[in-house]
């Protein structure tokens, strides 16, 4: 297992950013952001291939559940095939690539593959739980782990880490904070928004 599946990252992430982010866990040999067939818009998930299985396992251990640009990403073992390539080898690798569970395929008489709309596999999108068959580690409150870090409305840089790209406050399930710190964080963010230190979201 030298390849991992990555889900729930920002739609603004391209393959270069994906490769750069996962380079902290090891030597990345390939990175692929899955896109819509029409328009090429990112689907918010993709695949990363490492030089060794050990590096892939390290990436899962270190980065699964990490906060990347306000999103809690999911990193797990790739249960499909090779990372789809681009360029001259794209056709060959596309034939070798096994679609993840939930991505049906059919081919016409010319041998061209077409995706069939099916229900996505568990864990591929934010609204669905990730089922790996193992108990997921509970996220630790960073303010508890690092007492020098304070919840302060005057520090929008820290507060922004707990907001989505649209400026909404992330839920406690996403932040991993204690109930007390989640309340203090909500108060601090709203105070910063009143002082125009952070953007205000109009629902």
N, C-alpha and C. Protein backbone atom coordinates (compact mmCIF):
# COMPACT_ATOMS: atom_id res chain seq x y z
N UNK A 1 0.85 -1.20 0.00
CA UNK A 1 0.00 0.00 0.00
C UNK A 1 0.88 1.24 0.00
N UNK A 2 1.22 1.75 -1.20
CA UNK A 2 2.00 2.98 -1.29
C UNK A 2 1.13 4.15 -1.69
N UNK A 3 -0.18 3.90 -1.87
CA UNK A 3 -1.10 4.95 -2.28
C UNK A 3 -2.15 5.17 -1.20
N UNK A 4 -2.56 6.42 -1.05
CA UNK A 4 -3.59 6.74 -0.07
C UNK A 4 -4.70 7.55 -0.73
N UNK A 5 -5.89 7.43 -0.18
CA UNK A 5 -7.03 8.22 -0.61
C UNK A 5 -7.11 9.45 0.30
N UNK A 6 -7.36 10.62 -0.29
CA UNK A 6 -7.48 11.87 0.47
C UNK A 6 -8.83 12.50 0.14
N UNK A 7 -9.62 12.78 1.17
CA UNK A 7 -10.94 13.36 0.94
C UNK A 7 -11.19 14.61 1.76
N UNK A 8 -12.16 15.39 1.30
CA UNK A 8 -12.65 16.59 2.00
C UNK A 8 -11.67 17.76 2.01
N UNK A 9 -10.77 17.83 1.02
CA UNK A 9 -9.92 19.02 0.97
C UNK A 9 -10.60 20.11 0.14
N UNK A 10 -10.04 21.31 0.19
CA UNK A 10 -10.65 22.47 -0.47
C UNK A 10 -10.70 22.27 -1.98
N UNK A 11 -11.75 22.81 -2.60
CA UNK A 11 -11.88 22.72 -4.05
C UNK A 11 -10.80 23.55 -4.76
N UNK A 12 -10.13 24.45 -4.00
CA UNK A 12 -9.07 25.27 -4.59
C UNK A 12 -7.75 24.53 -4.67
N UNK A 13 -7.66 23.36 -4.04
CA UNK A 13 -6.41 22.59 -4.04
C UNK A 13 -6.20 21.93 -5.39
N UNK A 14 -5.03 22.17 -5.98
CA UNK A 14 -4.68 21.49 -7.23
C UNK A 14 -3.66 20.39 -6.93
N UNK A 15 -3.22 19.69 -7.96
CA UNK A 15 -2.31 18.56 -7.76
C UNK A 15 -0.97 18.99 -7.17
N UNK A 16 -0.51 20.17 -7.55
CA UNK A 16 0.77 20.66 -7.02
C UNK A 16 0.67 20.92 -5.52
N UNK A 17 -0.44 21.55 -5.09
CA UNK A 17 -0.63 21.81 -3.66
C UNK A 17 -0.82 20.52 -2.88
N UNK A 18 -1.53 19.56 -3.48
CA UNK A 18 -1.75 18.27 -2.83
C UNK A 18 -0.42 17.54 -2.61
N UNK A 19 0.42 17.58 -3.62
CA UNK A 19 1.73 16.93 -3.52
C UNK A 19 2.60 17.63 -2.49
N UNK A 20 2.57 18.95 -2.49
CA UNK A 20 3.37 19.73 -1.54
C UNK A 20 2.93 19.46 -0.10
N UNK A 21 1.61 19.41 0.15
CA UNK A 21 1.10 19.20 1.51
C UNK A 21 1.51 17.83 2.04
N UNK A 22 1.43 16.80 1.21
CA UNK A 22 1.73 15.44 1.67
C UNK A 22 3.22 15.10 1.64
N UNK A 23 4.03 16.00 1.12
CA UNK A 23 5.48 15.77 1.10
C UNK A 23 6.05 15.76 2.51
N UNK A 24 5.31 16.34 3.47
CA UNK A 24 5.79 16.34 4.85
C UNK A 24 5.81 14.93 5.44
N UNK A 25 5.04 14.02 4.86
CA UNK A 25 4.98 12.65 5.38
C UNK A 25 5.95 11.71 4.67
N UNK A 26 6.50 12.12 3.54
CA UNK A 26 7.41 11.25 2.80
C UNK A 26 7.59 11.72 1.37
N UNK A 27 8.22 10.87 0.59
CA UNK A 27 8.51 11.20 -0.81
C UNK A 27 7.30 10.88 -1.68
N UNK A 28 6.65 11.93 -2.20
CA UNK A 28 5.45 11.76 -3.02
C UNK A 28 5.87 11.59 -4.48
N UNK A 29 5.42 10.48 -5.09
CA UNK A 29 5.77 10.22 -6.49
C UNK A 29 4.67 10.66 -7.45
N UNK A 30 3.43 10.75 -6.95
CA UNK A 30 2.32 11.19 -7.80
C UNK A 30 1.17 11.69 -6.94
N UNK A 31 0.43 12.65 -7.48
CA UNK A 31 -0.75 13.18 -6.78
C UNK A 31 -1.81 13.49 -7.82
N UNK A 32 -3.04 13.10 -7.53
CA UNK A 32 -4.12 13.29 -8.49
C UNK A 32 -5.35 13.85 -7.79
N UNK A 33 -5.86 14.97 -8.28
CA UNK A 33 -7.11 15.55 -7.80
C UNK A 33 -8.21 15.12 -8.75
N UNK A 34 -9.25 14.47 -8.24
CA UNK A 34 -10.33 14.00 -9.09
C UNK A 34 -11.24 15.20 -9.44
N UNK A 35 -11.61 15.29 -10.70
CA UNK A 35 -12.39 16.43 -11.18
C UNK A 35 -13.67 15.96 -11.88
N UNK A 36 -14.61 16.90 -12.02
CA UNK A 36 -15.84 16.61 -12.74
C UNK A 36 -15.53 16.43 -14.22
N UNK A 37 -16.25 15.53 -14.87
CA UNK A 37 -16.01 15.29 -16.30
C UNK A 37 -16.37 16.51 -17.13
N UNK A 38 -17.36 17.27 -16.67
CA UNK A 38 -17.75 18.48 -17.39
C UNK A 38 -17.24 19.71 -16.63
N UNK A 39 -16.33 20.44 -17.25
CA UNK A 39 -15.82 21.67 -16.63
C UNK A 39 -14.52 21.50 -15.88
N UNK A 40 -14.20 20.29 -15.48
CA UNK A 40 -12.93 20.04 -14.80
C UNK A 40 -12.86 20.57 -13.37
N UNK A 41 -14.02 20.82 -12.74
CA UNK A 41 -14.04 21.33 -11.37
C UNK A 41 -13.65 20.22 -10.39
N UNK A 42 -12.86 20.58 -9.39
CA UNK A 42 -12.41 19.61 -8.39
C UNK A 42 -13.59 19.01 -7.65
N UNK A 43 -13.49 17.72 -7.33
CA UNK A 43 -14.54 17.04 -6.57
C UNK A 43 -14.20 16.98 -5.08
N UNK A 44 -13.06 17.56 -4.69
CA UNK A 44 -12.71 17.63 -3.27
C UNK A 44 -12.05 16.39 -2.73
N UNK A 45 -11.66 15.46 -3.62
CA UNK A 45 -10.90 14.30 -3.14
C UNK A 45 -9.94 13.85 -4.24
N UNK A 46 -8.99 13.02 -3.84
CA UNK A 46 -8.00 12.56 -4.81
C UNK A 46 -7.12 11.47 -4.21
N UNK A 47 -5.97 11.26 -4.82
CA UNK A 47 -5.07 10.18 -4.42
C UNK A 47 -3.63 10.68 -4.40
N UNK A 48 -2.85 10.12 -3.47
CA UNK A 48 -1.43 10.46 -3.37
C UNK A 48 -0.64 9.16 -3.31
N UNK A 49 0.42 9.08 -4.10
CA UNK A 49 1.26 7.88 -4.13
C UNK A 49 2.63 8.20 -3.56
N UNK A 50 3.11 7.33 -2.65
CA UNK A 50 4.41 7.50 -2.01
C UNK A 50 5.41 6.47 -2.53
N UNK A 51 6.69 6.71 -2.22
CA UNK A 51 7.74 5.80 -2.67
C UNK A 51 7.65 4.45 -1.98
N UNK A 52 7.24 4.44 -0.69
CA UNK A 52 7.20 3.20 0.08
C UNK A 52 5.88 3.08 0.83
N UNK A 53 5.57 1.85 1.23
CA UNK A 53 4.36 1.60 2.02
C UNK A 53 4.46 2.27 3.38
N UNK A 54 5.68 2.31 3.93
CA UNK A 54 5.87 2.92 5.26
C UNK A 54 5.51 4.40 5.24
N UNK A 55 5.87 5.09 4.16
CA UNK A 55 5.54 6.52 4.05
C UNK A 55 4.04 6.72 3.91
N UNK A 56 3.38 5.82 3.19
CA UNK A 56 1.93 5.91 3.03
C UNK A 56 1.24 5.72 4.39
N UNK A 57 1.71 4.74 5.16
CA UNK A 57 1.13 4.50 6.49
C UNK A 57 1.39 5.69 7.42
N UNK A 58 2.58 6.30 7.27
CA UNK A 58 2.90 7.46 8.10
C UNK A 58 1.99 8.64 7.75
N UNK A 59 1.68 8.80 6.47
CA UNK A 59 0.78 9.88 6.05
C UNK A 59 -0.61 9.69 6.65
N UNK A 60 -1.09 8.44 6.68
CA UNK A 60 -2.41 8.17 7.26
C UNK A 60 -2.40 8.48 8.75
N UNK A 61 -1.33 8.03 9.43
CA UNK A 61 -1.24 8.23 10.89
C UNK A 61 -1.14 9.70 11.26
N UNK A 62 -0.38 10.48 10.47
CA UNK A 62 -0.11 11.87 10.82
C UNK A 62 -1.16 12.86 10.30
N UNK A 63 -1.72 12.59 9.13
CA UNK A 63 -2.55 13.61 8.48
C UNK A 63 -4.05 13.30 8.45
N UNK A 64 -4.45 12.08 8.79
CA UNK A 64 -5.89 11.80 8.84
C UNK A 64 -6.52 12.60 9.99
N UNK A 65 -7.51 13.42 9.66
CA UNK A 65 -8.15 14.26 10.66
C UNK A 65 -7.47 15.61 10.84
N UNK A 66 -6.44 15.89 10.00
CA UNK A 66 -5.74 17.18 10.12
C UNK A 66 -6.59 18.32 9.56
N UNK A 67 -6.35 19.52 10.07
CA UNK A 67 -7.06 20.71 9.61
C UNK A 67 -6.24 21.36 8.50
N UNK A 68 -6.78 21.35 7.29
CA UNK A 68 -6.08 21.93 6.14
C UNK A 68 -6.98 23.02 5.56
N UNK A 69 -6.57 24.27 5.75
CA UNK A 69 -7.32 25.42 5.26
C UNK A 69 -8.78 25.40 5.73
N UNK A 70 -8.98 25.08 7.01
CA UNK A 70 -10.31 25.10 7.57
C UNK A 70 -11.14 23.87 7.32
N UNK A 71 -10.56 22.85 6.72
CA UNK A 71 -11.28 21.60 6.47
C UNK A 71 -10.57 20.43 7.15
N UNK A 72 -11.33 19.54 7.74
CA UNK A 72 -10.77 18.35 8.36
C UNK A 72 -10.69 17.28 7.28
N UNK A 73 -9.47 16.97 6.84
CA UNK A 73 -9.31 16.03 5.73
C UNK A 73 -9.31 14.59 6.21
N UNK A 74 -9.67 13.70 5.31
CA UNK A 74 -9.68 12.27 5.59
C UNK A 74 -8.60 11.60 4.75
N UNK A 75 -7.75 10.83 5.40
CA UNK A 75 -6.66 10.13 4.70
C UNK A 75 -6.76 8.66 5.06
N UNK A 76 -6.88 7.80 4.07
CA UNK A 76 -7.02 6.37 4.33
C UNK A 76 -6.35 5.57 3.22
N UNK A 77 -6.28 4.27 3.44
CA UNK A 77 -5.68 3.38 2.45
C UNK A 77 -6.49 3.40 1.17
N UNK A 78 -5.79 3.48 0.03
CA UNK A 78 -6.48 3.45 -1.26
C UNK A 78 -6.85 2.01 -1.58
N UNK A 79 -8.14 1.74 -1.68
CA UNK A 79 -8.59 0.38 -1.97
C UNK A 79 -8.87 0.17 -3.45
N UNK A 80 -8.50 1.18 -4.25
CA UNK A 80 -8.69 1.06 -5.69
C UNK A 80 -7.43 0.56 -6.36
N UNK A 81 -7.08 1.21 -7.49
CA UNK A 81 -5.90 0.79 -8.23
C UNK A 81 -4.87 1.88 -8.29
N UNK A 82 -4.25 2.06 -9.46
CA UNK A 82 -3.21 3.05 -9.63
C UNK A 82 -3.79 4.46 -9.64
N UNK A 83 -2.94 5.45 -9.31
CA UNK A 83 -3.35 6.84 -9.41
C UNK A 83 -3.49 7.19 -10.88
N UNK A 84 -4.66 7.66 -11.35
CA UNK A 84 -4.83 7.99 -12.76
C UNK A 84 -3.81 9.03 -13.20
N UNK A 85 -3.21 8.83 -14.35
CA UNK A 85 -2.17 9.73 -14.83
C UNK A 85 -2.73 10.70 -15.84
N UNK A 86 -1.87 11.64 -16.26
CA UNK A 86 -2.23 12.56 -17.33
C UNK A 86 -1.12 12.52 -18.35
N UNK A 87 -1.41 12.95 -19.57
CA UNK A 87 -0.37 12.98 -20.58
C UNK A 87 -0.35 11.71 -21.40
N UNK A 88 0.85 11.30 -21.87
CA UNK A 88 0.99 10.20 -22.81
C UNK A 88 0.57 8.86 -22.22
N UNK A 89 0.76 8.67 -20.89
CA UNK A 89 0.45 7.39 -20.28
C UNK A 89 -0.96 7.33 -19.70
N UNK A 90 -1.75 8.38 -19.95
CA UNK A 90 -3.07 8.45 -19.34
C UNK A 90 -3.96 7.29 -19.79
N UNK A 91 -3.95 6.98 -21.10
CA UNK A 91 -4.81 5.93 -21.61
C UNK A 91 -4.50 4.58 -21.02
N UNK A 92 -3.19 4.26 -20.91
CA UNK A 92 -2.78 2.96 -20.38
C UNK A 92 -3.16 2.83 -18.91
N UNK A 93 -2.88 3.88 -18.10
CA UNK A 93 -3.18 3.81 -16.68
C UNK A 93 -4.68 3.84 -16.44
N UNK A 94 -5.45 4.50 -17.32
CA UNK A 94 -6.89 4.56 -17.14
C UNK A 94 -7.50 3.17 -17.26
N UNK A 95 -6.90 2.31 -18.13
CA UNK A 95 -7.39 0.95 -18.26
C UNK A 95 -7.04 0.12 -17.03
N UNK A 96 -5.89 0.45 -16.38
CA UNK A 96 -5.45 -0.29 -15.20
C UNK A 96 -6.17 0.18 -13.96
N UNK A 97 -6.64 1.41 -13.97
CA UNK A 97 -7.22 2.01 -12.75
C UNK A 97 -8.56 1.38 -12.42
N UNK A 98 -8.68 0.95 -11.18
CA UNK A 98 -9.93 0.38 -10.68
C UNK A 98 -10.69 1.44 -9.94
N UNK A 99 -11.88 1.74 -10.38
CA UNK A 99 -12.65 2.81 -9.75
C UNK A 99 -12.97 2.44 -8.32
N UNK A 100 -12.90 3.42 -7.38
CA UNK A 100 -13.29 3.16 -6.00
C UNK A 100 -14.74 2.75 -5.92
N UNK A 101 -15.06 2.04 -4.83
CA UNK A 101 -16.44 1.59 -4.62
C UNK A 101 -17.40 2.76 -4.74
N UNK A 102 -18.44 2.64 -5.54
CA UNK A 102 -19.40 3.72 -5.72
C UNK A 102 -19.24 4.42 -7.05
N UNK A 103 -18.11 4.15 -7.78
CA UNK A 103 -17.93 4.77 -9.09
C UNK A 103 -18.08 3.67 -10.14
N UNK A 104 -19.29 3.44 -10.65
CA UNK A 104 -19.52 2.41 -11.65
C UNK A 104 -18.99 2.86 -13.01
N UNK A 105 -18.63 1.89 -13.87
CA UNK A 105 -18.15 2.23 -15.20
C UNK A 105 -18.79 1.29 -16.21
N UNK A 106 -19.01 1.81 -17.42
CA UNK A 106 -19.47 0.98 -18.52
C UNK A 106 -18.70 1.43 -19.76
N UNK A 107 -18.62 0.60 -20.75
CA UNK A 107 -17.88 0.97 -21.96
C UNK A 107 -18.76 0.76 -23.19
N UNK A 108 -18.54 1.61 -24.20
CA UNK A 108 -19.27 1.45 -25.44
C UNK A 108 -18.48 0.54 -26.36
N UNK A 109 -18.94 0.38 -27.60
CA UNK A 109 -18.26 -0.54 -28.52
C UNK A 109 -16.87 -0.06 -28.91
N UNK A 110 -16.64 1.22 -28.72
CA UNK A 110 -15.31 1.75 -29.06
C UNK A 110 -14.31 1.58 -27.93
N UNK A 111 -14.76 1.01 -26.81
CA UNK A 111 -13.85 0.79 -25.70
C UNK A 111 -13.71 1.99 -24.78
N UNK A 112 -14.52 3.02 -24.97
CA UNK A 112 -14.44 4.21 -24.13
C UNK A 112 -15.26 4.00 -22.86
N UNK A 113 -14.66 4.41 -21.74
CA UNK A 113 -15.33 4.21 -20.46
C UNK A 113 -16.17 5.42 -20.09
N UNK A 114 -17.33 5.16 -19.48
CA UNK A 114 -18.21 6.21 -19.02
C UNK A 114 -18.60 5.90 -17.58
N UNK A 115 -18.60 6.93 -16.75
CA UNK A 115 -19.00 6.74 -15.35
C UNK A 115 -20.51 6.63 -15.26
N UNK A 116 -20.96 5.71 -14.41
CA UNK A 116 -22.37 5.57 -14.15
C UNK A 116 -22.68 6.17 -12.79
N UNK A 117 -23.69 7.03 -12.69
CA UNK A 117 -24.01 7.64 -11.40
C UNK A 117 -24.49 6.60 -10.41
N UNK A 118 -23.74 6.43 -9.34
CA UNK A 118 -24.10 5.52 -8.27
C UNK A 118 -23.87 6.20 -6.95
N UNK A 119 -24.33 5.56 -5.89
CA UNK A 119 -24.14 6.13 -4.56
C UNK A 119 -22.67 6.09 -4.21
N UNK A 120 -22.14 7.21 -3.71
CA UNK A 120 -20.72 7.29 -3.37
C UNK A 120 -20.42 6.40 -2.18
N UNK A 121 -19.17 5.91 -2.13
CA UNK A 121 -18.75 5.06 -1.02
C UNK A 121 -18.68 5.84 0.27
N UNK A 122 -18.82 5.14 1.39
CA UNK A 122 -18.77 5.79 2.69
C UNK A 122 -17.44 6.51 2.86
N UNK A 123 -17.48 7.75 3.33
CA UNK A 123 -16.25 8.48 3.62
C UNK A 123 -15.75 9.33 2.49
N UNK A 124 -16.37 9.27 1.29
CA UNK A 124 -15.87 10.05 0.17
C UNK A 124 -16.27 11.51 0.25
N UNK A 125 -17.36 11.80 0.95
CA UNK A 125 -17.80 13.17 1.04
C UNK A 125 -18.02 13.56 2.49
N UNK A 126 -18.04 14.85 2.73
CA UNK A 126 -18.10 15.37 4.08
C UNK A 126 -19.34 14.93 4.85
N UNK A 127 -20.45 14.76 4.15
CA UNK A 127 -21.71 14.44 4.82
C UNK A 127 -21.79 12.98 5.23
N UNK A 128 -20.82 12.14 4.81
CA UNK A 128 -20.87 10.72 5.10
C UNK A 128 -19.74 10.34 6.03
N UNK A 129 -20.00 9.44 6.99
CA UNK A 129 -18.93 9.01 7.92
C UNK A 129 -17.92 8.12 7.23
N UNK A 130 -16.69 8.18 7.67
CA UNK A 130 -15.63 7.35 7.11
C UNK A 130 -15.57 6.05 7.90
N UNK A 131 -15.80 4.93 7.24
CA UNK A 131 -15.82 3.64 7.92
C UNK A 131 -14.58 2.85 7.53
N UNK A 132 -13.61 2.80 8.44
CA UNK A 132 -12.38 2.05 8.19
C UNK A 132 -12.34 0.75 8.97
N UNK A 133 -13.37 0.49 9.75
CA UNK A 133 -13.38 -0.71 10.55
C UNK A 133 -12.57 -0.60 11.82
N UNK A 134 -12.04 0.58 12.12
CA UNK A 134 -11.27 0.80 13.34
C UNK A 134 -11.80 2.03 14.05
N UNK A 135 -11.60 2.08 15.35
CA UNK A 135 -12.08 3.19 16.13
C UNK A 135 -11.18 4.39 15.88
N UNK A 136 -11.78 5.50 15.49
CA UNK A 136 -11.00 6.69 15.19
C UNK A 136 -10.58 7.40 16.46
N UNK A 137 -9.32 7.88 16.48
CA UNK A 137 -8.81 8.59 17.65
C UNK A 137 -9.52 9.91 17.82
N UNK A 138 -9.85 10.23 19.06
CA UNK A 138 -10.51 11.51 19.34
C UNK A 138 -9.48 12.63 19.22
N UNK A 139 -9.87 13.71 18.53
CA UNK A 139 -8.97 14.84 18.38
C UNK A 139 -8.76 15.51 19.72
N UNK A 140 -7.52 15.97 19.94
CA UNK A 140 -7.21 16.63 21.21
C UNK A 140 -7.39 18.13 21.07
N UNK A 141 -7.93 18.75 22.10
CA UNK A 141 -8.13 20.19 22.14
C UNK A 141 -6.75 20.87 22.12
N UNK A 142 -6.47 21.66 21.08
CA UNK A 142 -5.14 22.26 20.96
C UNK A 142 -4.88 23.29 22.05
N UNK A 143 -5.94 23.87 22.59
CA UNK A 143 -5.76 24.85 23.66
C UNK A 143 -5.43 24.16 25.00
N UNK A 144 -5.84 22.91 25.12
CA UNK A 144 -5.47 22.11 26.30
C UNK A 144 -4.05 21.59 26.14
N UNK A 145 -3.73 21.13 24.92
CA UNK A 145 -2.40 20.59 24.66
C UNK A 145 -1.33 21.68 24.72
N UNK A 146 -1.69 22.91 24.36
CA UNK A 146 -0.74 24.01 24.37
C UNK A 146 -1.31 25.17 25.18
N UNK A 147 -1.06 25.18 26.50
CA UNK A 147 -1.63 26.21 27.37
C UNK A 147 -1.23 27.63 27.00
N UNK A 148 -0.10 27.80 26.28
CA UNK A 148 0.32 29.14 25.90
C UNK A 148 -0.55 29.73 24.80
N UNK A 149 -1.33 28.88 24.14
CA UNK A 149 -2.23 29.33 23.08
C UNK A 149 -3.56 29.74 23.70
N UNK A 150 -3.95 30.98 23.51
CA UNK A 150 -5.15 31.52 24.14
C UNK A 150 -6.25 31.80 23.11
N UNK A 151 -7.49 31.69 23.57
CA UNK A 151 -8.64 32.06 22.73
C UNK A 151 -8.89 33.55 22.92
N UNK A 152 -8.53 34.33 21.91
CA UNK A 152 -8.59 35.79 22.04
C UNK A 152 -9.15 36.38 20.74
N UNK A 153 -10.16 37.24 20.86
CA UNK A 153 -10.76 37.84 19.66
C UNK A 153 -9.78 38.74 18.92
N UNK A 154 -8.69 39.15 19.62
CA UNK A 154 -7.69 40.01 18.99
C UNK A 154 -6.69 39.22 18.13
N UNK A 155 -6.85 37.92 18.11
CA UNK A 155 -5.94 37.07 17.34
C UNK A 155 -6.72 36.34 16.24
N UNK A 156 -7.11 37.05 15.18
CA UNK A 156 -7.94 36.43 14.13
C UNK A 156 -7.22 35.32 13.38
N UNK A 157 -5.89 35.34 13.40
CA UNK A 157 -5.14 34.31 12.69
C UNK A 157 -5.42 32.93 13.28
N UNK A 158 -5.49 32.86 14.62
CA UNK A 158 -5.79 31.60 15.29
C UNK A 158 -7.26 31.25 15.11
N UNK A 159 -8.13 32.23 15.24
CA UNK A 159 -9.57 31.99 15.14
C UNK A 159 -9.96 31.49 13.75
N UNK A 160 -9.27 31.99 12.73
CA UNK A 160 -9.62 31.63 11.35
C UNK A 160 -9.42 30.13 11.09
N UNK A 161 -8.56 29.49 11.90
CA UNK A 161 -8.33 28.05 11.74
C UNK A 161 -9.57 27.24 12.06
N UNK A 162 -10.50 27.85 12.81
CA UNK A 162 -11.70 27.14 13.22
C UNK A 162 -12.93 27.62 12.46
N UNK A 163 -12.69 28.20 11.27
CA UNK A 163 -13.77 28.66 10.42
C UNK A 163 -13.66 27.99 9.05
N UNK A 164 -14.78 27.76 8.42
CA UNK A 164 -14.78 27.17 7.09
C UNK A 164 -14.39 28.23 6.06
N UNK A 165 -14.24 27.81 4.81
CA UNK A 165 -13.89 28.75 3.75
C UNK A 165 -14.96 29.81 3.56
N UNK A 166 -16.20 29.48 3.91
CA UNK A 166 -17.29 30.43 3.76
C UNK A 166 -17.46 31.30 5.00
N UNK A 167 -16.58 31.10 5.99
CA UNK A 167 -16.60 31.96 7.17
C UNK A 167 -17.47 31.47 8.30
N UNK A 168 -17.99 30.24 8.20
CA UNK A 168 -18.82 29.71 9.27
C UNK A 168 -17.96 29.05 10.35
N UNK A 169 -18.43 29.09 11.59
CA UNK A 169 -17.70 28.48 12.69
C UNK A 169 -17.85 26.96 12.60
N UNK A 170 -16.72 26.25 12.64
CA UNK A 170 -16.76 24.80 12.57
C UNK A 170 -17.39 24.22 13.83
N UNK A 171 -18.05 23.08 13.69
CA UNK A 171 -18.69 22.44 14.83
C UNK A 171 -17.65 21.82 15.75
N UNK A 172 -18.07 21.49 16.93
CA UNK A 172 -17.16 20.88 17.90
C UNK A 172 -16.62 19.55 17.41
N UNK A 173 -17.42 18.84 16.63
CA UNK A 173 -16.96 17.57 16.06
C UNK A 173 -15.77 17.79 15.14
N UNK A 174 -15.75 18.94 14.46
CA UNK A 174 -14.66 19.25 13.54
C UNK A 174 -13.45 19.85 14.25
N UNK A 175 -13.68 20.67 15.27
CA UNK A 175 -12.58 21.35 15.94
C UNK A 175 -11.89 20.48 16.98
N UNK A 176 -12.65 19.56 17.61
CA UNK A 176 -12.07 18.72 18.65
C UNK A 176 -11.92 19.43 19.98
N UNK A 177 -12.53 20.61 20.13
CA UNK A 177 -12.38 21.39 21.36
C UNK A 177 -13.32 20.86 22.45
N UNK A 178 -12.98 21.21 23.70
CA UNK A 178 -13.89 20.89 24.79
C UNK A 178 -15.12 21.79 24.67
N UNK A 179 -16.18 21.44 25.39
CA UNK A 179 -17.41 22.23 25.31
C UNK A 179 -17.18 23.67 25.75
N UNK A 180 -16.37 23.82 26.81
CA UNK A 180 -16.08 25.17 27.32
C UNK A 180 -15.30 25.99 26.30
N UNK A 181 -14.25 25.40 25.74
CA UNK A 181 -13.43 26.13 24.76
C UNK A 181 -14.19 26.40 23.47
N UNK A 182 -15.14 25.51 23.11
CA UNK A 182 -15.94 25.74 21.92
C UNK A 182 -16.82 26.98 22.11
N UNK A 183 -17.40 27.11 23.34
CA UNK A 183 -18.22 28.30 23.62
C UNK A 183 -17.39 29.57 23.60
N UNK A 184 -16.18 29.50 24.23
CA UNK A 184 -15.30 30.67 24.26
C UNK A 184 -14.86 31.05 22.84
N UNK A 185 -14.60 30.02 22.02
CA UNK A 185 -14.19 30.26 20.64
C UNK A 185 -15.31 30.95 19.87
N UNK A 186 -16.55 30.49 20.04
CA UNK A 186 -17.70 31.09 19.34
C UNK A 186 -17.87 32.56 19.73
N UNK A 187 -17.71 32.84 21.03
CA UNK A 187 -17.82 34.22 21.51
C UNK A 187 -16.72 35.09 20.91
N UNK A 188 -15.48 34.55 20.89
CA UNK A 188 -14.34 35.31 20.39
C UNK A 188 -14.49 35.60 18.90
N UNK A 189 -14.96 34.62 18.13
CA UNK A 189 -15.13 34.81 16.68
C UNK A 189 -16.21 35.86 16.40
N UNK A 190 -17.31 35.79 17.12
CA UNK A 190 -18.39 36.76 16.91
C UNK A 190 -17.95 38.17 17.31
N UNK A 191 -17.14 38.24 18.36
CA UNK A 191 -16.62 39.54 18.78
C UNK A 191 -15.68 40.10 17.70
N UNK A 192 -14.82 39.23 17.15
CA UNK A 192 -13.90 39.66 16.09
C UNK A 192 -14.67 40.09 14.84
N UNK A 193 -15.80 39.42 14.56
CA UNK A 193 -16.61 39.79 13.40
C UNK A 193 -17.26 41.15 13.61
N UNK A 194 -17.69 41.44 14.85
CA UNK A 194 -18.29 42.74 15.15
C UNK A 194 -17.29 43.87 14.96
N UNK A 195 -16.00 43.56 15.24
CA UNK A 195 -14.95 44.57 15.09
C UNK A 195 -14.30 44.54 13.71
N UNK A 196 -14.90 43.76 12.80
CA UNK A 196 -14.42 43.64 11.42
C UNK A 196 -13.02 43.04 11.34
N UNK A 197 -12.63 42.27 12.35
CA UNK A 197 -11.36 41.55 12.29
C UNK A 197 -11.50 40.26 11.50
N UNK A 198 -12.75 39.77 11.43
CA UNK A 198 -13.06 38.57 10.65
C UNK A 198 -14.31 38.87 9.82
N UNK A 199 -14.45 38.19 8.68
CA UNK A 199 -15.62 38.43 7.82
C UNK A 199 -16.90 37.91 8.47
N UNK A 200 -18.01 38.56 8.21
CA UNK A 200 -19.31 38.14 8.71
C UNK A 200 -20.02 37.36 7.61
N UNK A 201 -20.62 36.24 8.00
CA UNK A 201 -21.32 35.40 7.03
C UNK A 201 -22.80 35.68 7.10
N UNK A 202 -23.38 35.93 5.94
CA UNK A 202 -24.83 36.10 5.85
C UNK A 202 -25.45 34.80 5.36
N UNK A 203 -26.11 34.08 6.26
CA UNK A 203 -26.70 32.79 5.89
C UNK A 203 -27.89 32.99 4.96
